[in-house]
Amino acid sequence: MAGILDSVNQRTQLVGQNRLELLLFKLKGRQRFGINVFKVREVLQCPPLTAMPKLNPFVRGVAHIRGQTISVIDLSLATGGGKIEDLKKCFIIIAEYNRSVQGFLVSSVERIININWDSILPPPKGSGRASYLTAVTEVDKELVEILDVEKILNEISPLKTDVSASVTEGLDLSNIKDKIIFIADDSSVARNQVTKALTTLGLNIVAAKNGMEALTMLRELAKETGDVTDKVGVLVSDIEMPEMDGYTLTAEIKNSPELKNLHVILHTSLSGVFNQAMVKKVGADDFIAKFHPDELANAVKKWLD
């Protein structure tokens, strides 16, 4: 266990083309779960938690870690399971999502695995926790569930999706009225957030659930004219997605004659440890951290002008 705890910080810098590292953990029972190491700051044995008034019932308390007060979310409770007991034997995963730092309470932490994104698949339909999953994979002939952390966080503290009037004021869409804004994101919550924000600009939205689906749809759209930008104004893509990640999607777009002129905005919750060199390497036009509706709208406006 000490080896895992000591190595997390060093390994958060991994950004490989269509690869990721997953930190495996358990909540209650034998089921394994995974979280991308790139979002993990550190893993600690659960420190004493302080109860606070009016906390969300999924938040077990707050912890004071390295001069910062962090809310600790019981991932089992948040996904419809039972409360994790005996906090002294549990761990918290400190992670950064959407410009904030959270602690996720888990029963145990196992190890880190290195895996291809094409081995990460959409969750099977009808699975018990399907509404809280973005993907699944297989490790040691057992299913590993990858949780939709953005959905969990949004249920605890919903993010605003309204775009300020100052952003929409004077917006001229006459030159792009027939074009669509394409979204690629595996989180249903993230897709809805982006759609709501950009719809307020009067833009037409089409969404895909992962990079592979997005690439297939974009190539279909490009068939008629030979240039996808005749139909699509901008692509807003997540980075972490099953089957094909946002880096690989961007590289495929920029290397395809019929797609290469499409402006790509990478829109990700990897805000604190983001690798700008990789954005440049794959040819993305812009990067913005999730989720701020005005920044997203302004970025889309910039590439539509």
C-alpha atoms as a PDB file:
ATOM      1  CA  MET A   1       0.000   0.000   0.000  1.00  0.00           C
ATOM      2  CA  ALA A   2       2.819   2.419   0.828  1.00  0.00           C
ATOM      3  CA  GLY A   3       4.155   2.040  -2.712  1.00  0.00           C
ATOM      4  CA  ILE A   4       0.828   3.118  -4.187  1.00  0.00           C
ATOM      5  CA  LEU A   5       0.523   6.108  -1.894  1.00  0.00           C
ATOM      6  CA  ASP A   6       4.078   7.258  -2.599  1.00  0.00           C
ATOM      7  CA  SER A   7       3.852   6.887  -6.375  1.00  0.00           C
ATOM      8  CA  VAL A   8       0.582   8.657  -7.160  1.00  0.00           C
ATOM      9  CA  ASN A   9       2.020  12.174  -7.302  1.00  0.00           C
ATOM     10  CA  GLN A  10       4.853  11.118  -9.602  1.00  0.00           C
ATOM     11  CA  ARG A  11       2.560   9.297 -12.006  1.00  0.00           C
ATOM     12  CA  THR A  12      -0.060  12.028 -12.390  1.00  0.00           C
ATOM     13  CA  GLN A  13       2.126  13.553 -15.095  1.00  0.00           C
ATOM     14  CA  LEU A  14       1.470  10.690 -17.543  1.00  0.00           C
ATOM     15  CA  VAL A  15      -0.144  11.767 -20.774  1.00  0.00           C
ATOM     16  CA  GLY A  16       0.176   9.064 -23.435  1.00  0.00           C
ATOM     17  CA  GLN A  17      -1.520   8.957 -26.775  1.00  0.00           C
ATOM     18  CA  ASN A  18      -4.765   7.064 -26.232  1.00  0.00           C
ATOM     19  CA  ARG A  19      -3.449   5.615 -22.953  1.00  0.00           C
ATOM     20  CA  LEU A  20      -4.220   6.261 -19.323  1.00  0.00           C
ATOM     21  CA  GLU A  21      -3.437   4.974 -15.874  1.00  0.00           C
ATOM     22  CA  LEU A  22      -6.238   3.977 -13.542  1.00  0.00           C
ATOM     23  CA  LEU A  23      -6.073   3.906  -9.761  1.00  0.00           C
ATOM     24  CA  LEU A  24      -8.188   0.921  -8.696  1.00  0.00           C
ATOM     25  CA  PHE A  25     -10.226   1.056  -5.494  1.00  0.00           C
ATOM     26  CA  LYS A  26     -13.217  -0.534  -3.766  1.00  0.00           C
ATOM     27  CA  LEU A  27     -16.220   0.926  -1.972  1.00  0.00           C
ATOM     28  CA  LYS A  28     -18.341  -1.753  -0.278  1.00  0.00           C
ATOM     29  CA  GLY A  29     -18.050  -5.316  -1.471  1.00  0.00           C
ATOM     30  CA  ARG A  30     -15.838  -6.910  -4.137  1.00  0.00           C
ATOM     31  CA  GLN A  31     -16.619  -4.569  -7.059  1.00  0.00           C
ATOM     32  CA  ARG A  32     -13.576  -2.667  -8.331  1.00  0.00           C
ATOM     33  CA  PHE A  33     -13.739   0.947  -9.482  1.00  0.00           C
ATOM     34  CA  GLY A  34     -11.236   3.137 -11.278  1.00  0.00           C
ATOM     35  CA  ILE A  35     -10.239   6.797 -11.422  1.00  0.00           C
ATOM     36  CA  ASN A  36      -7.749   8.353 -13.825  1.00  0.00           C
ATOM     37  CA  VAL A  37      -4.458   8.900 -12.001  1.00  0.00           C
ATOM     38  CA  PHE A  38      -4.040  12.143 -13.927  1.00  0.00           C
ATOM     39  CA  LYS A  39      -6.775  13.696 -11.756  1.00  0.00           C
ATOM     40  CA  VAL A  40      -5.389  12.375  -8.459  1.00  0.00           C
ATOM     41  CA  ARG A  41      -3.267  14.595  -6.250  1.00  0.00           C
ATOM     42  CA  GLU A  42      -2.631  12.041  -3.548  1.00  0.00           C
ATOM     43  CA  VAL A  43      -4.106   9.150  -1.576  1.00  0.00           C
ATOM     44  CA  LEU A  44      -4.235   9.252   2.214  1.00  0.00           C
ATOM     45  CA  GLN A  45      -5.525   7.159   5.056  1.00  0.00           C
ATOM     46  CA  CYS A  46      -8.706   8.891   6.122  1.00  0.00           C
ATOM     47  CA  PRO A  47      -7.861  11.661   8.601  1.00  0.00           C
ATOM     48  CA  PRO A  48     -10.309  12.800  11.295  1.00  0.00           C
ATOM     49  CA  LEU A  49     -13.355  14.380   9.650  1.00  0.00           C
ATOM     50  CA  THR A  50     -15.146  17.436  11.004  1.00  0.00           C
ATOM     51  CA  ALA A  51     -18.919  17.548  10.725  1.00  0.00           C
ATOM     52  CA  MET A  52     -20.355  20.813   9.417  1.00  0.00           C
ATOM     53  CA  PRO A  53     -23.941  22.095   9.501  1.00  0.00           C
ATOM     54  CA  LYS A  54     -26.107  21.733   6.383  1.00  0.00           C
ATOM     55  CA  LEU A  55     -23.671  19.460   4.547  1.00  0.00           C
ATOM     56  CA  ASN A  56     -25.021  17.381   1.698  1.00  0.00           C
ATOM     57  CA  PRO A  57     -25.836  13.896   3.067  1.00  0.00           C
ATOM     58  CA  PHE A  58     -23.220  12.367   0.733  1.00  0.00           C
ATOM     59  CA  VAL A  59     -20.488  14.527   2.328  1.00  0.00           C
ATOM     60  CA  ARG A  60     -19.195  12.776   5.443  1.00  0.00           C
ATOM     61  CA  GLY A  61     -17.351  15.843   6.683  1.00  0.00           C
ATOM     62  CA  VAL A  62     -14.408  18.071   5.912  1.00  0.00           C
ATOM     63  CA  ALA A  63     -10.707  17.323   6.323  1.00  0.00           C
ATOM     64  CA  HIS A  64      -7.888  19.788   6.839  1.00  0.00           C
ATOM     65  CA  ILE A  65      -5.057  18.719   4.538  1.00  0.00           C
ATOM     66  CA  ARG A  66      -1.917  20.722   3.783  1.00  0.00           C
ATOM     67  CA  GLY A  67      -3.527  23.986   4.805  1.00  0.00           C
ATOM     68  CA  GLN A  68      -6.677  23.392   2.761  1.00  0.00           C
ATOM     69  CA  THR A  69     -10.180  22.460   3.896  1.00  0.00           C
ATOM     70  CA  ILE A  70     -11.542  19.696   1.651  1.00  0.00           C
ATOM     71  CA  SER A  71     -15.016  18.166   1.531  1.00  0.00           C
ATOM     72  CA  VAL A  72     -14.939  14.365   1.749  1.00  0.00           C
ATOM     73  CA  ILE A  73     -17.608  12.619  -0.332  1.00  0.00           C
ATOM     74  CA  ASP A  74     -18.651   9.051   0.430  1.00  0.00           C
ATOM     75  CA  LEU A  75     -18.573   7.566  -3.079  1.00  0.00           C
ATOM     76  CA  SER A  76     -20.654   4.590  -2.021  1.00  0.00           C
ATOM     77  CA  LEU A  77     -23.483   6.765  -0.691  1.00  0.00           C
ATOM     78  CA  ALA A  78     -23.252   9.098  -3.685  1.00  0.00           C
ATOM     79  CA  THR A  79     -23.817   6.226  -6.115  1.00  0.00           C
ATOM     80  CA  GLY A  80     -26.746   4.639  -4.293  1.00  0.00           C
ATOM     81  CA  GLY A  81     -24.858   2.225  -2.046  1.00  0.00           C
ATOM     82  CA  GLY A  82     -24.535   1.953   1.707  1.00  0.00           C
ATOM     83  CA  LYS A  83     -22.408   4.138   3.949  1.00  0.00           C
ATOM     84  CA  ILE A  84     -18.712   3.246   4.189  1.00  0.00           C
ATOM     85  CA  GLU A  85     -18.032   2.272   7.808  1.00  0.00           C
ATOM     86  CA  ASP A  86     -14.967   2.322  10.079  1.00  0.00           C
ATOM     87  CA  LEU A  87     -13.347   5.477   8.737  1.00  0.00           C
ATOM     88  CA  LYS A  88     -10.062   4.725  10.500  1.00  0.00           C
ATOM     89  CA  LYS A  89      -9.463   1.847   8.076  1.00  0.00           C
ATOM     90  CA  CYS A  90     -10.560   3.779   4.982  1.00  0.00           C
ATOM     91  CA  PHE A  91      -8.784   6.041   2.528  1.00  0.00           C
ATOM     92  CA  ILE A  92      -9.502   9.289   0.769  1.00  0.00           C
ATOM     93  CA  ILE A  93      -8.508  10.004  -2.820  1.00  0.00           C
ATOM     94  CA  ILE A  94      -7.709  13.710  -3.207  1.00  0.00           C
ATOM     95  CA  ALA A  95      -8.607  14.695  -6.756  1.00  0.00           C
ATOM     96  CA  GLU A  96      -9.166  17.846  -8.785  1.00  0.00           C
ATOM     97  CA  TYR A  97     -12.258  18.167 -10.956  1.00  0.00           C
ATOM     98  CA  ASN A  98     -13.765  21.248 -12.528  1.00  0.00           C
ATOM     99  CA  ARG A  99     -11.452  23.772 -10.872  1.00  0.00           C
ATOM    100  CA  SER A 100     -11.941  22.470  -7.338  1.00  0.00           C
ATOM    101  CA  VAL A 101     -10.372  19.868  -5.071  1.00  0.00           C
ATOM    102  CA  GLN A 102     -12.428  17.100  -3.473  1.00  0.00           C
ATOM    103  CA  GLY A 103     -11.793  14.107  -1.277  1.00  0.00           C
ATOM    104  CA  PHE A 104     -13.449  10.796  -2.206  1.00  0.00           C
ATOM    105  CA  LEU A 105     -13.916   8.338   0.644  1.00  0.00           C
ATOM    106  CA  VAL A 106     -13.228   4.710  -0.391  1.00  0.00           C
ATOM    107  CA  SER A 107     -12.866   1.486   1.583  1.00  0.00           C
ATOM    108  CA  SER A 108      -9.574   0.383   0.047  1.00  0.00           C
ATOM    109  CA  VAL A 109      -7.067   1.305  -2.651  1.00  0.00           C
ATOM    110  CA  GLU A 110      -5.462  -1.483  -4.664  1.00  0.00           C
ATOM    111  CA  ARG A 111      -2.971  -0.531  -7.384  1.00  0.00           C
ATOM    112  CA  ILE A 112      -2.357   1.493 -10.525  1.00  0.00           C
ATOM    113  CA  ILE A 113      -2.766  -0.079 -13.969  1.00  0.00           C
ATOM    114  CA  ASN A 114      -1.715   1.205 -17.386  1.00  0.00           C
ATOM    115  CA  ILE A 115      -4.271   0.627 -20.146  1.00  0.00           C
ATOM    116  CA  ASN A 116      -5.249   1.720 -23.651  1.00  0.00           C
ATOM    117  CA  TRP A 117      -8.298   3.939 -24.035  1.00  0.00           C
ATOM    118  CA  ASP A 118      -9.577   1.550 -26.684  1.00  0.00           C
ATOM    119  CA  SER A 119      -9.897  -1.040 -23.889  1.00  0.00           C
ATOM    120  CA  ILE A 120     -12.196   1.364 -22.017  1.00  0.00           C
ATOM    121  CA  LEU A 121     -15.746   0.754 -23.216  1.00  0.00           C
ATOM    122  CA  PRO A 122     -19.115   2.443 -22.680  1.00  0.00           C
ATOM    123  CA  PRO A 123     -21.074   0.909 -19.779  1.00  0.00           C
ATOM    124  CA  PRO A 124     -23.423  -1.967 -20.624  1.00  0.00           C
ATOM    125  CA  LYS A 125     -27.066  -0.998 -20.859  1.00  0.00           C
ATOM    126  CA  GLY A 126     -29.166  -2.072 -17.904  1.00  0.00           C
ATOM    127  CA  SER A 127     -26.280  -2.311 -15.435  1.00  0.00           C
ATOM    128  CA  GLY A 128     -27.246  -1.441 -11.880  1.00  0.00           C
ATOM    129  CA  ARG A 129     -25.080   1.635 -11.526  1.00  0.00           C
ATOM    130  CA  ALA A 130     -25.336   2.584 -15.209  1.00  0.00           C
ATOM    131  CA  SER A 131     -26.447   6.137 -14.486  1.00  0.00           C
ATOM    132  CA  TYR A 132     -23.232   6.735 -12.525  1.00  0.00           C
ATOM    133  CA  LEU A 133     -20.833   5.109 -14.992  1.00  0.00           C
ATOM    134  CA  THR A 134     -18.982   6.666 -17.899  1.00  0.00           C
ATOM    135  CA  ALA A 135     -17.119   3.503 -18.856  1.00  0.00           C
ATOM    136  CA  VAL A 136     -16.032  -0.016 -17.932  1.00  0.00           C
ATOM    137  CA  THR A 137     -12.963  -2.132 -18.564  1.00  0.00           C
ATOM    138  CA  GLU A 138     -11.683  -5.586 -17.664  1.00  0.00           C
ATOM    139  CA  VAL A 139      -8.810  -6.262 -15.281  1.00  0.00           C
ATOM    140  CA  ASP A 140      -7.833  -9.769 -14.170  1.00  0.00           C
ATOM    141  CA  LYS A 141     -10.987 -11.068 -15.894  1.00  0.00           C
ATOM    142  CA  GLU A 142     -13.145  -8.856 -13.679  1.00  0.00           C
ATOM    143  CA  LEU A 143     -15.189  -5.788 -14.604  1.00  0.00           C
ATOM    144  CA  VAL A 144     -13.865  -2.426 -13.417  1.00  0.00           C
ATOM    145  CA  GLU A 145     -16.406   0.401 -13.292  1.00  0.00           C
ATOM    146  CA  ILE A 146     -15.301   3.972 -14.021  1.00  0.00           C
ATOM    147  CA  LEU A 147     -17.589   6.417 -12.268  1.00  0.00           C
ATOM    148  CA  ASP A 148     -19.069   9.573 -13.763  1.00  0.00           C
ATOM    149  CA  VAL A 149     -17.534  11.858 -11.153  1.00  0.00           C
ATOM    150  CA  GLU A 150     -18.907  14.961 -12.874  1.00  0.00           C
ATOM    151  CA  LYS A 151     -22.441  13.622 -12.414  1.00  0.00           C
ATOM    152  CA  ILE A 152     -21.795  12.889  -8.745  1.00  0.00           C
ATOM    153  CA  LEU A 153     -20.365  16.357  -8.108  1.00  0.00           C
ATOM    154  CA  ASN A 154     -23.175  18.052 -10.019  1.00  0.00           C
ATOM    155  CA  GLU A 155     -25.778  16.286  -7.875  1.00  0.00           C
ATOM    156  CA  ILE A 156     -24.042  17.529  -4.734  1.00  0.00           C
ATOM    157  CA  SER A 157     -23.336  21.058  -5.964  1.00  0.00           C
ATOM    158  CA  PRO A 158     -24.925  21.858  -9.352  1.00  0.00           C
ATOM    159  CA  LEU A 159     -22.960  24.101 -11.673  1.00  0.00           C
ATOM    160  CA  LYS A 160     -24.597  27.092 -13.336  1.00  0.00           C
ATOM    161  CA  THR A 161     -24.967  26.822 -17.113  1.00  0.00           C
ATOM    162  CA  ASP A 162     -26.283  30.322 -17.854  1.00  0.00           C
ATOM    163  CA  VAL A 163     -24.178  32.505 -20.130  1.00  0.00           C
ATOM    164  CA  SER A 164     -23.931  36.176 -19.142  1.00  0.00           C
ATOM    165  CA  ALA A 165     -25.854  38.707 -21.199  1.00  0.00           C
ATOM    166  CA  SER A 166     -22.586  40.509 -21.953  1.00  0.00           C
ATOM    167  CA  VAL A 167     -21.352  37.431 -23.832  1.00  0.00           C
ATOM    168  CA  THR A 168     -24.443  37.086 -26.006  1.00  0.00           C
ATOM    169  CA  GLU A 169     -24.896  40.812 -26.610  1.00  0.00           C
ATOM    170  CA  GLY A 170     -24.382  41.786 -30.245  1.00  0.00           C
ATOM    171  CA  LEU A 171     -23.615  38.238 -31.354  1.00  0.00           C
ATOM    172  CA  ASP A 172     -24.061  37.899 -35.112  1.00  0.00           C
ATOM    173  CA  LEU A 173     -24.794  34.339 -36.190  1.00  0.00           C
ATOM    174  CA  SER A 174     -25.850  35.146 -39.737  1.00  0.00           C
ATOM    175  CA  ASN A 175     -22.696  33.636 -41.258  1.00  0.00           C
ATOM    176  CA  ILE A 176     -23.021  30.346 -39.348  1.00  0.00           C
ATOM    177  CA  LYS A 177     -26.785  29.971 -38.912  1.00  0.00           C
ATOM    178  CA  ASP A 178     -26.802  26.632 -40.724  1.00  0.00           C
ATOM    179  CA  LYS A 179     -23.711  25.218 -39.010  1.00  0.00           C
ATOM    180  CA  ILE A 180     -23.628  23.033 -35.930  1.00  0.00           C
ATOM    181  CA  ILE A 181     -21.418  22.977 -32.870  1.00  0.00           C
ATOM    182  CA  PHE A 182     -20.224  19.433 -32.248  1.00  0.00           C
ATOM    183  CA  ILE A 183     -19.687  18.115 -28.710  1.00  0.00           C
ATOM    184  CA  ALA A 184     -17.808  14.966 -27.693  1.00  0.00           C
ATOM    185  CA  ASP A 185     -18.026  13.951 -24.029  1.00  0.00           C
ATOM    186  CA  ASP A 186     -18.686  10.668 -22.246  1.00  0.00           C
ATOM    187  CA  SER A 187     -20.396  12.312 -19.265  1.00  0.00           C
ATOM    188  CA  SER A 188     -24.116  12.908 -19.766  1.00  0.00           C
ATOM    189  CA  VAL A 189     -23.946  15.758 -17.264  1.00  0.00           C
ATOM    190  CA  ALA A 190     -21.084  17.431 -19.127  1.00  0.00           C
ATOM    191  CA  ARG A 191     -22.893  17.074 -22.465  1.00  0.00           C
ATOM    192  CA  ASN A 192     -25.984  18.679 -20.962  1.00  0.00           C
ATOM    193  CA  GLN A 193     -23.968  21.500 -19.393  1.00  0.00           C
ATOM    194  CA  VAL A 194     -22.239  22.365 -22.662  1.00  0.00           C
ATOM    195  CA  THR A 195     -25.468  22.054 -24.651  1.00  0.00           C
ATOM    196  CA  LYS A 196     -27.365  24.382 -22.302  1.00  0.00           C
ATOM    197  CA  ALA A 197     -24.595  26.965 -22.301  1.00  0.00           C
ATOM    198  CA  LEU A 198     -24.156  27.063 -26.088  1.00  0.00           C
ATOM    199  CA  THR A 199     -27.862  26.853 -26.875  1.00  0.00           C
ATOM    200  CA  THR A 200     -28.247  30.251 -25.216  1.00  0.00           C
ATOM    201  CA  LEU A 201     -26.076  31.620 -28.042  1.00  0.00           C
ATOM    202  CA  GLY A 202     -28.620  30.362 -30.542  1.00  0.00           C
ATOM    203  CA  LEU A 203     -26.292  27.627 -31.790  1.00  0.00           C
ATOM    204  CA  ASN A 204     -27.322  24.210 -33.075  1.00  0.00           C
ATOM    205  CA  ILE A 205     -25.730  21.378 -31.075  1.00  0.00           C
ATOM    206  CA  VAL A 206     -24.897  17.775 -31.984  1.00  0.00           C
ATOM    207  CA  ALA A 207     -23.318  15.513 -29.356  1.00  0.00           C
ATOM    208  CA  ALA A 208     -21.332  12.268 -29.358  1.00  0.00           C
ATOM    209  CA  LYS A 209     -20.611  10.043 -26.344  1.00  0.00           C
ATOM    210  CA  ASN A 210     -16.925   9.389 -27.085  1.00  0.00           C
ATOM    211  CA  GLY A 211     -14.117  10.149 -29.500  1.00  0.00           C
ATOM    212  CA  MET A 212     -14.719   7.172 -31.760  1.00  0.00           C
ATOM    213  CA  GLU A 213     -18.397   8.023 -32.189  1.00  0.00           C
ATOM    214  CA  ALA A 214     -17.512  11.674 -32.822  1.00  0.00           C
ATOM    215  CA  LEU A 215     -14.941  10.798 -35.495  1.00  0.00           C
ATOM    216  CA  THR A 216     -17.398   8.516 -37.295  1.00  0.00           C
ATOM    217  CA  MET A 217     -20.132  11.174 -37.238  1.00  0.00           C
ATOM    218  CA  LEU A 218     -17.798  13.938 -38.421  1.00  0.00           C
ATOM    219  CA  ARG A 219     -16.582  11.830 -41.357  1.00  0.00           C
ATOM    220  CA  GLU A 220     -20.192  11.165 -42.337  1.00  0.00           C
ATOM    221  CA  LEU A 221     -20.936  14.896 -42.239  1.00  0.00           C
ATOM    222  CA  ALA A 222     -17.890  15.599 -44.425  1.00  0.00           C
ATOM    223  CA  LYS A 223     -18.820  13.118 -47.169  1.00  0.00           C
ATOM    224  CA  GLU A 224     -21.216  15.425 -49.013  1.00  0.00           C
ATOM    225  CA  THR A 225     -18.823  18.357 -49.586  1.00  0.00           C
ATOM    226  CA  GLY A 226     -15.380  16.983 -48.719  1.00  0.00           C
ATOM    227  CA  ASP A 227     -14.879  19.574 -45.964  1.00  0.00           C
ATOM    228  CA  VAL A 228     -16.596  19.134 -42.603  1.00  0.00           C
ATOM    229  CA  THR A 229     -16.422  22.887 -41.900  1.00  0.00           C
ATOM    230  CA  ASP A 230     -19.160  23.407 -44.475  1.00  0.00           C
ATOM    231  CA  LYS A 231     -21.471  21.924 -41.854  1.00  0.00           C
ATOM    232  CA  VAL A 232     -19.659  22.127 -38.510  1.00  0.00           C
ATOM    233  CA  GLY A 233     -18.424  25.335 -36.922  1.00  0.00           C
ATOM    234  CA  VAL A 234     -16.424  24.077 -33.926  1.00  0.00           C
ATOM    235  CA  LEU A 235     -15.767  20.822 -32.064  1.00  0.00           C
ATOM    236  CA  VAL A 236     -15.782  20.986 -28.248  1.00  0.00           C
ATOM    237  CA  SER A 237     -14.212  17.764 -26.980  1.00  0.00           C
ATOM    238  CA  ASP A 238     -13.494  16.213 -23.625  1.00  0.00           C
ATOM    239  CA  ILE A 239     -10.098  14.512 -23.267  1.00  0.00           C
ATOM    240  CA  GLU A 240     -10.990  11.441 -21.192  1.00  0.00           C
ATOM    241  CA  MET A 241     -13.394   9.260 -23.177  1.00  0.00           C
ATOM    242  CA  PRO A 242     -13.788   5.505 -23.745  1.00  0.00           C
ATOM    243  CA  GLU A 243     -12.604   3.889 -26.997  1.00  0.00           C
ATOM    244  CA  MET A 244     -10.809   7.040 -28.203  1.00  0.00           C
ATOM    245  CA  ASP A 245      -9.617   9.954 -26.068  1.00  0.00           C
ATOM    246  CA  GLY A 246      -9.725  13.622 -27.038  1.00  0.00           C
ATOM    247  CA  TYR A 247      -6.025  13.788 -27.895  1.00  0.00           C
ATOM    248  CA  THR A 248      -6.318  10.950 -30.380  1.00  0.00           C
ATOM    249  CA  LEU A 249      -9.560  12.365 -31.790  1.00  0.00           C
ATOM    250  CA  THR A 250      -7.867  15.720 -32.360  1.00  0.00           C
ATOM    251  CA  ALA A 251      -4.855  14.109 -34.035  1.00  0.00           C
ATOM    252  CA  GLU A 252      -7.136  12.072 -36.322  1.00  0.00           C
ATOM    253  CA  ILE A 253      -9.045  15.213 -37.283  1.00  0.00           C
ATOM    254  CA  LYS A 254      -5.929  17.233 -38.046  1.00  0.00           C
ATOM    255  CA  ASN A 255      -4.506  14.374 -40.150  1.00  0.00           C
ATOM    256  CA  SER A 256      -7.684  13.928 -42.231  1.00  0.00           C
ATOM    257  CA  PRO A 257      -8.002  16.147 -45.351  1.00  0.00           C
ATOM    258  CA  GLU A 258     -11.771  16.412 -45.004  1.00  0.00           C
ATOM    259  CA  LEU A 259     -11.603  17.312 -41.283  1.00  0.00           C
ATOM    260  CA  LYS A 260      -8.328  19.197 -40.793  1.00  0.00           C
ATOM    261  CA  ASN A 261      -9.849  22.695 -41.062  1.00  0.00           C
ATOM    262  CA  LEU A 262     -12.185  22.084 -38.139  1.00  0.00           C
ATOM    263  CA  HIS A 263     -11.362  24.134 -35.032  1.00  0.00           C
ATOM    264  CA  VAL A 264     -10.997  21.891 -31.964  1.00  0.00           C
ATOM    265  CA  ILE A 265     -11.457  23.128 -28.411  1.00  0.00           C
ATOM    266  CA  LEU A 266     -10.359  20.657 -25.725  1.00  0.00           C
ATOM    267  CA  HIS A 267     -12.694  21.087 -22.757  1.00  0.00           C
ATOM    268  CA  THR A 268     -11.618  19.066 -19.757  1.00  0.00           C
ATOM    269  CA  SER A 269     -11.762  18.780 -15.995  1.00  0.00           C
ATOM    270  CA  LEU A 270      -7.983  18.179 -15.991  1.00  0.00           C
ATOM    271  CA  SER A 271      -7.482  21.774 -14.929  1.00  0.00           C
ATOM    272  CA  GLY A 272      -4.695  21.637 -12.366  1.00  0.00           C
ATOM    273  CA  VAL A 273      -2.192  19.313 -14.034  1.00  0.00           C
ATOM    274  CA  PHE A 274      -2.937  19.868 -17.688  1.00  0.00           C
ATOM    275  CA  ASN A 275      -0.153  19.244 -20.213  1.00  0.00           C
ATOM    276  CA  GLN A 276      -0.081  22.166 -22.638  1.00  0.00           C
ATOM    277  CA  ALA A 277       2.616  20.457 -24.701  1.00  0.00           C
ATOM    278  CA  MET A 278       0.184  17.696 -25.618  1.00  0.00           C
ATOM    279  CA  VAL A 279      -2.392  20.235 -26.845  1.00  0.00           C
ATOM    280  CA  LYS A 280       0.200  21.669 -29.202  1.00  0.00           C
ATOM    281  CA  LYS A 281       1.430  18.230 -30.265  1.00  0.00           C
ATOM    282  CA  VAL A 282      -1.984  16.994 -31.424  1.00  0.00           C
ATOM    283  CA  GLY A 283      -2.886  20.309 -33.040  1.00  0.00           C
ATOM    284  CA  ALA A 284      -5.812  21.446 -30.877  1.00  0.00           C
ATOM    285  CA  ASP A 285      -6.760  25.081 -31.415  1.00  0.00           C
ATOM    286  CA  ASP A 286      -7.688  25.873 -27.828  1.00  0.00           C
ATOM    287  CA  PHE A 287      -7.988  24.491 -24.303  1.00  0.00           C
ATOM    288  CA  ILE A 288     -10.364  25.540 -21.545  1.00  0.00           C
ATOM    289  CA  ALA A 289     -10.953  23.943 -18.157  1.00  0.00           C
ATOM    290  CA  LYS A 290     -14.418  22.743 -17.169  1.00  0.00           C
ATOM    291  CA  PHE A 291     -16.799  24.239 -16.418  1.00  0.00           C
ATOM    292  CA  HIS A 292     -17.391  27.965 -16.843  1.00  0.00           C
ATOM    293  CA  PRO A 293     -20.198  28.831 -19.284  1.00  0.00           C
ATOM    294  CA  ASP A 294     -18.901  32.312 -20.160  1.00  0.00           C
ATOM    295  CA  GLU A 295     -15.382  31.060 -20.912  1.00  0.00           C
ATOM    296  CA  LEU A 296     -16.774  28.234 -23.020  1.00  0.00           C
ATOM    297  CA  ALA A 297     -19.088  30.559 -24.934  1.00  0.00           C
ATOM    298  CA  ASN A 298     -16.308  33.083 -25.536  1.00  0.00           C
ATOM    299  CA  ALA A 299     -13.967  30.354 -26.783  1.00  0.00           C
ATOM    300  CA  VAL A 300     -16.582  29.094 -29.226  1.00  0.00           C
ATOM    301  CA  LYS A 301     -17.327  32.656 -30.378  1.00  0.00           C
ATOM    302  CA  LYS A 302     -13.623  33.273 -31.032  1.00  0.00           C
ATOM    303  CA  TRP A 303     -13.343  30.325 -33.424  1.00  0.00           C
ATOM    304  CA  LEU A 304     -16.604  31.124 -35.154  1.00  0.00           C
ATOM    305  CA  ASP A 305     -15.538  34.684 -36.097  1.00  0.00           C
END
